[in-house]
Amino acid sequence: AGRRDPGYYVQKHLGYEIAIHYRVIRLIEIEGERVLNAGHSGLIPFTPLMKPPEGMALDAWLHQCIHTARTRPIDRSYRADSLAGMVALSELVYDSETISAIIFKEGIMDILRESSLFQSLTQQSREEAREEGIEQGIEQGGRQRTIEAILEVLEIRFDLNEAHPLSTRISAIDDLQRLKQLLREAIQLPNLEAFQRVLDA
């Protein structure tokens, strides 16, 4: 719980106050070494946030927690998830350089990659990258189609050929909204000179 958590929650409704009281358990007040030694699987990922042994520096305590989690005689998949959870929770207290240095010393990067958390984040990143690629593809396709439409309108209305400098300028425009505006102008303006003035604006 947070340091200033009062241990209760009050909700006011229709002139009444509803108070919910609960016991506040502050991890920093729990002796982490006892939890490590007891081997409680569900609590071990939280040990870096607990009270270290008297006189032990925080980075040394984090190293001990990670080393203990790495060397526990449990199934590899459980060990991977436990270590990944511990590393993620450690970022609430420790700086990333300290965490990275200990990960390197303990050589746990490979097993972290096997964890459910890492696999989930990797899958999410792939999906986001795929969606971004699809969006970019749609936008790029829309841009190309709009350019072709502009050039076709100018060719039909004003006999503009592909070698004309205006064709090159229009093909170099990246802004899709600008291209859509130019398409409307190409359809409505009375002559090529008027269109060129809009393009130059």
N, C-alpha and C. Protein backbone atom coordinates (compact mmCIF):
# COMPACT_ATOMS: atom_id res chain seq x y z
N ALA A 1 0.84 -1.19 0.00
CA ALA A 1 0.00 0.00 0.00
C ALA A 1 0.88 1.24 0.00
N GLY A 2 0.29 2.36 -0.41
CA GLY A 2 1.02 3.62 -0.41
C GLY A 2 1.31 4.09 1.01
N ARG A 3 2.36 4.91 1.12
CA ARG A 3 2.77 5.36 2.45
C ARG A 3 1.66 6.15 3.15
N ARG A 4 0.81 6.84 2.40
CA ARG A 4 -0.22 7.69 3.01
C ARG A 4 -1.61 7.06 2.96
N ASP A 5 -1.66 5.79 2.67
CA ASP A 5 -2.95 5.09 2.64
C ASP A 5 -3.51 5.06 4.06
N PRO A 6 -4.72 5.64 4.31
CA PRO A 6 -5.25 5.72 5.67
C PRO A 6 -5.85 4.41 6.19
N GLY A 7 -6.08 3.45 5.30
CA GLY A 7 -6.65 2.18 5.75
C GLY A 7 -8.16 2.14 5.68
N TYR A 8 -8.75 3.13 5.03
CA TYR A 8 -10.21 3.11 4.87
C TYR A 8 -10.59 3.94 3.65
N TYR A 9 -11.83 3.72 3.17
CA TYR A 9 -12.35 4.45 2.02
C TYR A 9 -13.77 4.88 2.36
N VAL A 10 -14.07 6.16 2.13
CA VAL A 10 -15.39 6.71 2.46
C VAL A 10 -16.09 7.15 1.18
N GLN A 11 -17.34 6.68 1.02
CA GLN A 11 -18.14 7.09 -0.13
C GLN A 11 -19.43 7.72 0.38
N LYS A 12 -19.75 8.91 -0.13
CA LYS A 12 -20.98 9.61 0.28
C LYS A 12 -22.04 9.40 -0.79
N HIS A 13 -23.27 9.03 -0.32
CA HIS A 13 -24.35 8.77 -1.26
C HIS A 13 -25.69 9.07 -0.58
N LEU A 14 -26.45 9.97 -1.19
CA LEU A 14 -27.79 10.32 -0.70
C LEU A 14 -27.76 10.75 0.77
N GLY A 15 -26.74 11.50 1.13
CA GLY A 15 -26.65 12.01 2.50
C GLY A 15 -26.05 11.03 3.49
N TYR A 16 -25.70 9.84 3.04
CA TYR A 16 -25.11 8.85 3.93
C TYR A 16 -23.61 8.67 3.61
N GLU A 17 -22.87 8.29 4.61
CA GLU A 17 -21.46 7.98 4.41
C GLU A 17 -21.24 6.49 4.61
N ILE A 18 -20.64 5.87 3.60
CA ILE A 18 -20.32 4.44 3.68
C ILE A 18 -18.80 4.33 3.81
N ALA A 19 -18.35 3.78 4.92
CA ALA A 19 -16.90 3.64 5.17
C ALA A 19 -16.49 2.18 5.05
N ILE A 20 -15.47 1.94 4.26
CA ILE A 20 -14.93 0.60 4.10
C ILE A 20 -13.53 0.60 4.70
N HIS A 21 -13.33 -0.19 5.73
CA HIS A 21 -12.02 -0.26 6.39
C HIS A 21 -11.29 -1.53 5.96
N TYR A 22 -10.00 -1.43 5.81
CA TYR A 22 -9.20 -2.57 5.42
C TYR A 22 -7.83 -2.47 6.09
N ARG A 23 -7.18 -3.60 6.17
CA ARG A 23 -5.86 -3.64 6.78
C ARG A 23 -4.80 -3.25 5.76
N VAL A 24 -3.98 -2.29 6.09
CA VAL A 24 -2.91 -1.84 5.19
C VAL A 24 -1.65 -2.67 5.45
N ILE A 25 -1.18 -3.32 4.41
CA ILE A 25 0.07 -4.07 4.52
C ILE A 25 1.11 -3.37 3.66
N ARG A 26 2.10 -2.80 4.29
CA ARG A 26 3.15 -2.08 3.57
C ARG A 26 4.32 -3.03 3.33
N LEU A 27 4.63 -3.25 2.06
CA LEU A 27 5.67 -4.20 1.72
C LEU A 27 7.01 -3.83 2.33
N ILE A 28 7.30 -2.53 2.39
CA ILE A 28 8.59 -2.10 2.91
C ILE A 28 8.78 -2.43 4.38
N GLU A 29 7.67 -2.75 5.08
CA GLU A 29 7.76 -3.10 6.50
C GLU A 29 7.89 -4.62 6.71
N ILE A 30 7.77 -5.39 5.63
CA ILE A 30 7.89 -6.85 5.74
C ILE A 30 9.35 -7.25 5.53
N GLU A 31 9.86 -8.13 6.35
CA GLU A 31 11.25 -8.58 6.22
C GLU A 31 11.35 -9.53 5.02
N GLY A 32 11.97 -9.01 3.96
CA GLY A 32 12.02 -9.76 2.71
C GLY A 32 12.81 -11.05 2.78
N GLU A 33 13.87 -11.09 3.60
CA GLU A 33 14.70 -12.28 3.66
C GLU A 33 13.93 -13.48 4.21
N ARG A 34 13.01 -13.23 5.13
CA ARG A 34 12.20 -14.32 5.67
C ARG A 34 11.30 -14.90 4.58
N VAL A 35 10.80 -14.03 3.71
CA VAL A 35 9.95 -14.50 2.61
C VAL A 35 10.78 -15.31 1.62
N LEU A 36 11.99 -14.83 1.32
CA LEU A 36 12.87 -15.58 0.41
C LEU A 36 13.19 -16.96 0.97
N ASN A 37 13.53 -16.99 2.25
CA ASN A 37 13.92 -18.26 2.87
C ASN A 37 12.74 -19.23 2.97
N ALA A 38 11.53 -18.68 3.15
CA ALA A 38 10.35 -19.54 3.26
C ALA A 38 9.95 -20.11 1.91
N GLY A 39 10.35 -19.42 0.83
CA GLY A 39 10.07 -19.94 -0.51
C GLY A 39 8.63 -19.85 -0.94
N HIS A 40 7.89 -18.84 -0.44
CA HIS A 40 6.49 -18.66 -0.87
C HIS A 40 6.46 -18.15 -2.31
N SER A 41 6.07 -19.00 -3.23
CA SER A 41 6.15 -18.67 -4.66
C SER A 41 5.38 -17.40 -5.04
N GLY A 42 4.21 -17.23 -4.46
CA GLY A 42 3.39 -16.07 -4.81
C GLY A 42 3.93 -14.75 -4.30
N LEU A 43 4.78 -14.81 -3.27
CA LEU A 43 5.31 -13.58 -2.67
C LEU A 43 6.71 -13.22 -3.15
N ILE A 44 7.44 -14.20 -3.64
CA ILE A 44 8.84 -13.94 -4.01
C ILE A 44 9.01 -12.81 -5.04
N PRO A 45 8.15 -12.67 -6.04
CA PRO A 45 8.33 -11.55 -6.97
C PRO A 45 8.25 -10.18 -6.29
N PHE A 46 7.61 -10.11 -5.12
CA PHE A 46 7.47 -8.84 -4.41
C PHE A 46 8.64 -8.53 -3.48
N THR A 47 9.54 -9.49 -3.28
CA THR A 47 10.59 -9.30 -2.28
C THR A 47 11.50 -8.10 -2.51
N PRO A 48 11.80 -7.69 -3.77
CA PRO A 48 12.63 -6.50 -3.92
C PRO A 48 12.01 -5.24 -3.33
N LEU A 49 10.68 -5.24 -3.17
CA LEU A 49 9.99 -4.08 -2.60
C LEU A 49 9.90 -4.17 -1.07
N MET A 50 10.35 -5.29 -0.52
CA MET A 50 10.28 -5.49 0.93
C MET A 50 11.53 -4.98 1.63
N LYS A 51 11.51 -5.05 2.94
CA LYS A 51 12.62 -4.56 3.76
C LYS A 51 13.84 -5.47 3.60
N PRO A 52 14.99 -4.89 3.19
CA PRO A 52 16.20 -5.72 3.05
C PRO A 52 16.82 -6.02 4.42
N PRO A 53 17.72 -6.97 4.50
CA PRO A 53 18.42 -7.24 5.76
C PRO A 53 19.16 -5.99 6.25
N GLU A 54 19.28 -5.89 7.54
CA GLU A 54 19.94 -4.72 8.15
C GLU A 54 21.33 -4.51 7.54
N GLY A 55 21.57 -3.28 7.09
CA GLY A 55 22.89 -2.92 6.57
C GLY A 55 23.14 -3.28 5.12
N MET A 56 22.19 -3.95 4.46
CA MET A 56 22.40 -4.34 3.07
C MET A 56 21.93 -3.22 2.13
N ALA A 57 22.77 -2.87 1.16
CA ALA A 57 22.41 -1.84 0.17
C ALA A 57 21.27 -2.36 -0.71
N LEU A 58 20.49 -1.43 -1.25
CA LEU A 58 19.33 -1.82 -2.04
C LEU A 58 19.71 -2.61 -3.29
N ASP A 59 20.79 -2.20 -3.98
CA ASP A 59 21.15 -2.93 -5.19
C ASP A 59 21.61 -4.36 -4.86
N ALA A 60 22.28 -4.52 -3.71
CA ALA A 60 22.70 -5.86 -3.27
C ALA A 60 21.48 -6.70 -2.92
N TRP A 61 20.48 -6.07 -2.32
CA TRP A 61 19.25 -6.78 -1.97
C TRP A 61 18.52 -7.23 -3.23
N LEU A 62 18.43 -6.35 -4.21
CA LEU A 62 17.78 -6.73 -5.46
C LEU A 62 18.51 -7.90 -6.10
N HIS A 63 19.84 -7.85 -6.09
CA HIS A 63 20.63 -8.93 -6.66
C HIS A 63 20.35 -10.26 -5.93
N GLN A 64 20.25 -10.20 -4.63
CA GLN A 64 19.97 -11.42 -3.85
C GLN A 64 18.59 -11.97 -4.20
N CYS A 65 17.61 -11.08 -4.35
CA CYS A 65 16.25 -11.52 -4.68
C CYS A 65 16.22 -12.21 -6.04
N ILE A 66 16.86 -11.59 -7.04
CA ILE A 66 16.87 -12.16 -8.38
C ILE A 66 17.65 -13.47 -8.42
N HIS A 67 18.77 -13.50 -7.71
CA HIS A 67 19.58 -14.73 -7.68
C HIS A 67 18.78 -15.87 -7.03
N THR A 68 18.09 -15.57 -5.95
CA THR A 68 17.29 -16.61 -5.28
C THR A 68 16.18 -17.11 -6.19
N ALA A 69 15.50 -16.18 -6.87
CA ALA A 69 14.42 -16.58 -7.78
C ALA A 69 14.97 -17.41 -8.94
N ARG A 70 16.17 -17.08 -9.39
CA ARG A 70 16.77 -17.81 -10.52
C ARG A 70 17.18 -19.23 -10.14
N THR A 71 17.62 -19.41 -8.92
CA THR A 71 18.19 -20.72 -8.51
C THR A 71 17.20 -21.62 -7.79
N ARG A 72 15.95 -21.18 -7.65
CA ARG A 72 14.97 -22.02 -6.96
C ARG A 72 14.68 -23.28 -7.77
N PRO A 73 14.55 -24.43 -7.11
CA PRO A 73 14.31 -25.70 -7.81
C PRO A 73 12.84 -25.86 -8.21
N ILE A 74 12.42 -25.07 -9.17
CA ILE A 74 11.04 -25.15 -9.65
C ILE A 74 11.05 -25.28 -11.16
N ASP A 75 9.88 -25.59 -11.72
CA ASP A 75 9.74 -25.74 -13.16
C ASP A 75 10.22 -24.47 -13.88
N ARG A 76 10.86 -24.64 -15.03
CA ARG A 76 11.45 -23.51 -15.75
C ARG A 76 10.41 -22.43 -16.12
N SER A 77 9.22 -22.86 -16.53
CA SER A 77 8.20 -21.88 -16.92
C SER A 77 7.77 -21.04 -15.72
N TYR A 78 7.62 -21.66 -14.54
CA TYR A 78 7.27 -20.91 -13.32
C TYR A 78 8.41 -19.96 -12.94
N ARG A 79 9.64 -20.44 -13.10
CA ARG A 79 10.79 -19.60 -12.78
C ARG A 79 10.83 -18.38 -13.71
N ALA A 80 10.54 -18.60 -14.98
CA ALA A 80 10.53 -17.50 -15.94
C ALA A 80 9.49 -16.44 -15.56
N ASP A 81 8.29 -16.90 -15.22
CA ASP A 81 7.22 -15.96 -14.86
C ASP A 81 7.54 -15.24 -13.56
N SER A 82 8.13 -15.95 -12.60
CA SER A 82 8.49 -15.35 -11.32
C SER A 82 9.54 -14.27 -11.50
N LEU A 83 10.56 -14.56 -12.31
CA LEU A 83 11.62 -13.58 -12.56
C LEU A 83 11.09 -12.37 -13.32
N ALA A 84 10.23 -12.62 -14.30
CA ALA A 84 9.68 -11.51 -15.08
C ALA A 84 8.83 -10.59 -14.20
N GLY A 85 8.02 -11.20 -13.33
CA GLY A 85 7.21 -10.41 -12.41
C GLY A 85 8.09 -9.61 -11.46
N MET A 86 9.16 -10.22 -10.97
CA MET A 86 10.07 -9.54 -10.06
C MET A 86 10.74 -8.35 -10.74
N VAL A 87 11.20 -8.54 -11.97
CA VAL A 87 11.85 -7.45 -12.70
C VAL A 87 10.87 -6.31 -12.95
N ALA A 88 9.64 -6.66 -13.35
CA ALA A 88 8.64 -5.62 -13.62
C ALA A 88 8.32 -4.82 -12.35
N LEU A 89 8.14 -5.50 -11.22
CA LEU A 89 7.84 -4.82 -9.96
C LEU A 89 9.03 -4.00 -9.47
N SER A 90 10.24 -4.48 -9.74
CA SER A 90 11.44 -3.76 -9.29
C SER A 90 11.55 -2.38 -9.90
N GLU A 91 10.97 -2.21 -11.10
CA GLU A 91 11.05 -0.92 -11.76
C GLU A 91 10.27 0.17 -11.03
N LEU A 92 9.44 -0.24 -10.07
CA LEU A 92 8.73 0.75 -9.24
C LEU A 92 9.67 1.44 -8.26
N VAL A 93 10.79 0.79 -7.93
CA VAL A 93 11.70 1.29 -6.89
C VAL A 93 13.11 1.54 -7.40
N TYR A 94 13.60 0.63 -8.23
CA TYR A 94 15.01 0.68 -8.66
C TYR A 94 15.13 1.32 -10.03
N ASP A 95 16.30 1.94 -10.28
CA ASP A 95 16.50 2.53 -11.60
C ASP A 95 16.84 1.43 -12.61
N SER A 96 16.55 1.71 -13.86
CA SER A 96 16.67 0.69 -14.91
C SER A 96 18.11 0.22 -15.10
N GLU A 97 19.09 1.12 -14.87
CA GLU A 97 20.49 0.72 -15.03
C GLU A 97 20.88 -0.37 -14.02
N THR A 98 20.42 -0.20 -12.78
CA THR A 98 20.71 -1.21 -11.75
C THR A 98 20.09 -2.55 -12.11
N ILE A 99 18.83 -2.51 -12.54
CA ILE A 99 18.12 -3.75 -12.91
C ILE A 99 18.82 -4.43 -14.08
N SER A 100 19.17 -3.65 -15.10
CA SER A 100 19.82 -4.22 -16.29
C SER A 100 21.16 -4.86 -15.94
N ALA A 101 21.92 -4.20 -15.06
CA ALA A 101 23.23 -4.73 -14.67
C ALA A 101 23.08 -6.08 -13.98
N ILE A 102 22.09 -6.21 -13.11
CA ILE A 102 21.89 -7.47 -12.39
C ILE A 102 21.38 -8.56 -13.33
N ILE A 103 20.49 -8.19 -14.25
CA ILE A 103 20.01 -9.16 -15.25
C ILE A 103 21.20 -9.70 -16.04
N PHE A 104 22.14 -8.81 -16.39
CA PHE A 104 23.32 -9.24 -17.15
C PHE A 104 24.21 -10.16 -16.30
N LYS A 105 24.43 -9.78 -15.04
CA LYS A 105 25.29 -10.59 -14.16
C LYS A 105 24.70 -11.98 -13.94
N GLU A 106 23.38 -12.04 -13.76
CA GLU A 106 22.74 -13.33 -13.49
C GLU A 106 22.47 -14.13 -14.77
N GLY A 107 22.61 -13.47 -15.93
CA GLY A 107 22.40 -14.17 -17.20
C GLY A 107 21.00 -14.71 -17.38
N ILE A 108 20.00 -13.88 -17.06
CA ILE A 108 18.61 -14.37 -17.10
C ILE A 108 17.80 -13.83 -18.28
N MET A 109 18.46 -13.15 -19.22
CA MET A 109 17.70 -12.56 -20.32
C MET A 109 16.96 -13.63 -21.12
N ASP A 110 17.62 -14.76 -21.36
CA ASP A 110 16.98 -15.82 -22.15
C ASP A 110 15.74 -16.37 -21.46
N ILE A 111 15.83 -16.60 -20.15
CA ILE A 111 14.66 -17.15 -19.46
C ILE A 111 13.55 -16.10 -19.33
N LEU A 112 13.92 -14.83 -19.24
CA LEU A 112 12.90 -13.77 -19.22
C LEU A 112 12.10 -13.77 -20.51
N ARG A 113 12.76 -14.05 -21.62
CA ARG A 113 12.07 -14.09 -22.92
C ARG A 113 11.04 -15.21 -22.98
N GLU A 114 11.20 -16.23 -22.13
CA GLU A 114 10.26 -17.36 -22.12
C GLU A 114 9.02 -17.08 -21.27
N SER A 115 9.03 -16.00 -20.51
CA SER A 115 7.93 -15.73 -19.57
C SER A 115 6.65 -15.33 -20.30
N SER A 116 5.53 -15.56 -19.63
CA SER A 116 4.23 -15.19 -20.19
C SER A 116 4.15 -13.69 -20.41
N LEU A 117 4.73 -12.91 -19.49
CA LEU A 117 4.70 -11.45 -19.60
C LEU A 117 5.44 -11.00 -20.85
N PHE A 118 6.64 -11.53 -21.06
CA PHE A 118 7.43 -11.15 -22.23
C PHE A 118 6.72 -11.56 -23.51
N GLN A 119 6.17 -12.77 -23.53
CA GLN A 119 5.47 -13.25 -24.73
C GLN A 119 4.26 -12.38 -25.04
N SER A 120 3.55 -11.97 -23.99
CA SER A 120 2.37 -11.12 -24.19
C SER A 120 2.76 -9.76 -24.74
N LEU A 121 3.82 -9.17 -24.16
CA LEU A 121 4.28 -7.86 -24.63
C LEU A 121 4.80 -7.95 -26.06
N THR A 122 5.49 -9.04 -26.37
CA THR A 122 6.00 -9.23 -27.74
C THR A 122 4.85 -9.34 -28.73
N GLN A 123 3.83 -10.13 -28.36
CA GLN A 123 2.67 -10.29 -29.24
C GLN A 123 1.94 -8.97 -29.43
N GLN A 124 1.81 -8.20 -28.34
CA GLN A 124 1.15 -6.90 -28.42
C GLN A 124 1.93 -5.96 -29.33
N SER A 125 3.26 -5.97 -29.20
CA SER A 125 4.10 -5.11 -30.04
C SER A 125 3.95 -5.49 -31.52
N ARG A 126 3.90 -6.80 -31.78
CA ARG A 126 3.75 -7.25 -33.17
C ARG A 126 2.41 -6.81 -33.75
N GLU A 127 1.34 -6.92 -32.93
CA GLU A 127 0.02 -6.53 -33.40
C GLU A 127 -0.04 -5.03 -33.67
N GLU A 128 0.57 -4.24 -32.76
CA GLU A 128 0.59 -2.79 -32.96
C GLU A 128 1.38 -2.42 -34.20
N ALA A 129 2.51 -3.11 -34.41
CA ALA A 129 3.33 -2.83 -35.59
C ALA A 129 2.57 -3.21 -36.86
N ARG A 130 1.84 -4.34 -36.81
CA ARG A 130 1.06 -4.76 -37.96
C ARG A 130 -0.06 -3.78 -38.27
N GLU A 131 -0.75 -3.32 -37.22
CA GLU A 131 -1.82 -2.34 -37.41
C GLU A 131 -1.28 -1.04 -37.97
N GLU A 132 -0.11 -0.63 -37.44
CA GLU A 132 0.49 0.61 -37.94
C GLU A 132 0.88 0.46 -39.41
N GLY A 133 1.40 -0.73 -39.75
CA GLY A 133 1.77 -0.98 -41.14
C GLY A 133 0.56 -0.97 -42.06
N ILE A 134 -0.55 -1.54 -41.58
CA ILE A 134 -1.78 -1.55 -42.37
C ILE A 134 -2.28 -0.12 -42.58
N GLU A 135 -2.26 0.68 -41.50
CA GLU A 135 -2.70 2.07 -41.61
C GLU A 135 -1.83 2.85 -42.58
N GLN A 136 -0.52 2.63 -42.49
CA GLN A 136 0.39 3.32 -43.40
C GLN A 136 0.13 2.89 -44.84
N GLY A 137 -0.14 1.59 -45.00
CA GLY A 137 -0.42 1.08 -46.35
C GLY A 137 -1.68 1.69 -46.92
N ILE A 138 -2.73 1.79 -46.08
CA ILE A 138 -3.99 2.39 -46.53
C ILE A 138 -3.77 3.85 -46.92
N GLU A 139 -3.02 4.56 -46.05
CA GLU A 139 -2.78 5.98 -46.33
C GLU A 139 -1.95 6.15 -47.60
N GLN A 140 -0.92 5.29 -47.76
CA GLN A 140 -0.08 5.38 -48.95
C GLN A 140 -0.88 5.05 -50.21
N GLY A 141 -1.74 4.02 -50.10
CA GLY A 141 -2.58 3.67 -51.23
C GLY A 141 -3.55 4.78 -51.59
N GLY A 142 -4.13 5.41 -50.55
CA GLY A 142 -5.03 6.53 -50.78
C GLY A 142 -4.32 7.70 -51.44
N ARG A 143 -3.09 7.96 -51.03
CA ARG A 143 -2.29 9.04 -51.62
C ARG A 143 -2.06 8.78 -53.10
N GLN A 144 -1.63 7.54 -53.44
CA GLN A 144 -1.33 7.22 -54.83
C GLN A 144 -2.57 7.31 -55.70
N ARG A 145 -3.69 6.83 -55.19
CA ARG A 145 -4.94 6.88 -55.97
C ARG A 145 -5.37 8.32 -56.20
N THR A 146 -5.20 9.18 -55.18
CA THR A 146 -5.59 10.59 -55.32
C THR A 146 -4.72 11.30 -56.34
N ILE A 147 -3.40 11.02 -56.31
CA ILE A 147 -2.49 11.62 -57.30
C ILE A 147 -2.91 11.21 -58.71
N GLU A 148 -3.19 9.91 -58.89
CA GLU A 148 -3.61 9.44 -60.21
C GLU A 148 -4.90 10.10 -60.66
N ALA A 149 -5.81 10.31 -59.71
CA ALA A 149 -7.09 10.95 -60.04
C ALA A 149 -6.87 12.41 -60.47
N ILE A 150 -6.01 13.12 -59.76
CA ILE A 150 -5.72 14.52 -60.11
C ILE A 150 -5.14 14.60 -61.53
N LEU A 151 -4.14 13.77 -61.79
CA LEU A 151 -3.48 13.80 -63.11
C LEU A 151 -4.45 13.43 -64.22
N GLU A 152 -5.34 12.48 -63.93
CA GLU A 152 -6.32 12.08 -64.94
C GLU A 152 -7.30 13.22 -65.23
N VAL A 153 -7.77 13.91 -64.18
CA VAL A 153 -8.69 15.04 -64.37
C VAL A 153 -8.01 16.15 -65.18
N LEU A 154 -6.74 16.45 -64.82
CA LEU A 154 -6.02 17.51 -65.53
C LEU A 154 -5.76 17.13 -66.98
N GLU A 155 -5.54 15.83 -67.22
CA GLU A 155 -5.32 15.39 -68.60
C GLU A 155 -6.60 15.52 -69.43
N ILE A 156 -7.72 15.11 -68.83
CA ILE A 156 -8.99 15.16 -69.55
C ILE A 156 -9.44 16.59 -69.78
N ARG A 157 -9.31 17.43 -68.75
CA ARG A 157 -9.83 18.80 -68.86
C ARG A 157 -8.88 19.76 -69.57
N PHE A 158 -7.57 19.61 -69.30
CA PHE A 158 -6.62 20.62 -69.80
C PHE A 158 -5.49 20.03 -70.65
N ASP A 159 -5.63 18.76 -71.04
CA ASP A 159 -4.65 18.10 -71.90
C ASP A 159 -3.25 18.11 -71.29
N LEU A 160 -3.16 17.89 -69.97
CA LEU A 160 -1.87 17.84 -69.27
C LEU A 160 -1.23 16.48 -69.48
N ASN A 161 0.01 16.43 -69.95
CA ASN A 161 0.68 15.14 -70.14
C ASN A 161 1.64 14.84 -68.98
N GLU A 162 2.11 13.60 -68.95
CA GLU A 162 2.95 13.16 -67.84
C GLU A 162 4.28 13.89 -67.78
N ALA A 163 4.74 14.42 -68.90
CA ALA A 163 6.03 15.11 -68.93
C ALA A 163 5.95 16.54 -68.41
N HIS A 164 4.75 17.03 -68.20
CA HIS A 164 4.59 18.42 -67.73
C HIS A 164 5.14 18.55 -66.30
N PRO A 165 5.85 19.66 -65.99
CA PRO A 165 6.40 19.86 -64.64
C PRO A 165 5.37 19.77 -63.53
N LEU A 166 4.12 20.14 -63.81
CA LEU A 166 3.07 20.06 -62.78
C LEU A 166 2.84 18.61 -62.34
N SER A 167 2.96 17.68 -63.29
CA SER A 167 2.76 16.27 -62.95
C SER A 167 3.79 15.81 -61.91
N THR A 168 5.02 16.24 -62.11
CA THR A 168 6.10 15.88 -61.17
C THR A 168 5.85 16.49 -59.81
N ARG A 169 5.42 17.75 -59.78
CA ARG A 169 5.17 18.43 -58.50
C ARG A 169 4.03 17.78 -57.74
N ILE A 170 2.97 17.43 -58.46
CA ILE A 170 1.82 16.79 -57.80
C ILE A 170 2.21 15.42 -57.25
N SER A 171 3.00 14.66 -58.00
CA SER A 171 3.40 13.32 -57.58
C SER A 171 4.30 13.34 -56.36
N ALA A 172 4.93 14.49 -56.07
CA ALA A 172 5.85 14.59 -54.94
C ALA A 172 5.17 15.00 -53.64
N ILE A 173 3.87 15.28 -53.70
CA ILE A 173 3.14 15.74 -52.51
C ILE A 173 2.81 14.54 -51.62
N ASP A 174 3.14 14.63 -50.32
CA ASP A 174 2.88 13.53 -49.38
C ASP A 174 1.58 13.71 -48.59
N ASP A 175 1.14 14.96 -48.43
CA ASP A 175 -0.02 15.26 -47.59
C ASP A 175 -1.31 14.85 -48.29
N LEU A 176 -1.98 13.83 -47.77
CA LEU A 176 -3.19 13.31 -48.41
C LEU A 176 -4.31 14.34 -48.42
N GLN A 177 -4.46 15.10 -47.34
CA GLN A 177 -5.51 16.12 -47.30
C GLN A 177 -5.27 17.21 -48.34
N ARG A 178 -4.02 17.58 -48.51
CA ARG A 178 -3.66 18.57 -49.54
C ARG A 178 -4.00 18.04 -50.92
N LEU A 179 -3.73 16.76 -51.15
CA LEU A 179 -4.04 16.15 -52.44
C LEU A 179 -5.54 16.11 -52.70
N LYS A 180 -6.30 15.81 -51.67
CA LYS A 180 -7.76 15.78 -51.83
C LYS A 180 -8.30 17.16 -52.20
N GLN A 181 -7.72 18.20 -51.58
CA GLN A 181 -8.13 19.55 -51.89
C GLN A 181 -7.78 19.90 -53.34
N LEU A 182 -6.60 19.49 -53.78
CA LEU A 182 -6.18 19.74 -55.16
C LEU A 182 -7.07 19.00 -56.16
N LEU A 183 -7.54 17.82 -55.79
CA LEU A 183 -8.45 17.09 -56.68
C LEU A 183 -9.75 17.86 -56.88
N ARG A 184 -10.26 18.42 -55.77
CA ARG A 184 -11.48 19.22 -55.89
C ARG A 184 -11.24 20.45 -56.77
N GLU A 185 -10.07 21.07 -56.60
CA GLU A 185 -9.74 22.26 -57.40
C GLU A 185 -9.59 21.88 -58.88
N ALA A 186 -8.98 20.74 -59.15
CA ALA A 186 -8.79 20.30 -60.53
C ALA A 186 -10.13 20.10 -61.24
N ILE A 187 -11.12 19.66 -60.48
CA ILE A 187 -12.45 19.43 -61.06
C ILE A 187 -13.19 20.74 -61.28
N GLN A 188 -12.99 21.73 -60.39
CA GLN A 188 -13.81 22.94 -60.39
C GLN A 188 -13.20 24.13 -61.12
N LEU A 189 -11.87 24.28 -61.12
CA LEU A 189 -11.25 25.48 -61.67
C LEU A 189 -11.38 25.53 -63.21
N PRO A 190 -11.43 26.75 -63.76
CA PRO A 190 -11.74 26.90 -65.20
C PRO A 190 -10.57 26.59 -66.13
N ASN A 191 -9.33 26.69 -65.65
CA ASN A 191 -8.20 26.46 -66.55
C ASN A 191 -6.97 26.01 -65.76
N LEU A 192 -5.94 25.58 -66.49
CA LEU A 192 -4.72 25.05 -65.87
C LEU A 192 -3.95 26.13 -65.12
N GLU A 193 -4.02 27.36 -65.61
CA GLU A 193 -3.31 28.46 -64.94
C GLU A 193 -3.88 28.70 -63.55
N ALA A 194 -5.20 28.63 -63.43
CA ALA A 194 -5.83 28.81 -62.13
C ALA A 194 -5.43 27.69 -61.17
N PHE A 195 -5.35 26.47 -61.71
CA PHE A 195 -4.92 25.34 -60.87
C PHE A 195 -3.48 25.53 -60.40
N GLN A 196 -2.63 26.03 -61.30
CA GLN A 196 -1.23 26.22 -60.93
C GLN A 196 -1.09 27.28 -59.85
N ARG A 197 -1.94 28.32 -59.88
CA ARG A 197 -1.90 29.34 -58.83
C ARG A 197 -2.27 28.73 -57.47
N VAL A 198 -3.26 27.84 -57.48
CA VAL A 198 -3.62 27.15 -56.22
C VAL A 198 -2.47 26.27 -55.75
N LEU A 199 -1.82 25.59 -56.67
CA LEU A 199 -0.69 24.73 -56.32
C LEU A 199 0.48 25.55 -55.76
N ASP A 200 0.67 26.73 -56.26
CA ASP A 200 1.76 27.60 -55.81
C ASP A 200 1.47 28.27 -54.49
N ALA A 201 0.19 28.32 -54.10
CA ALA A 201 -0.19 29.05 -52.88
C ALA A 201 0.38 28.41 -51.63
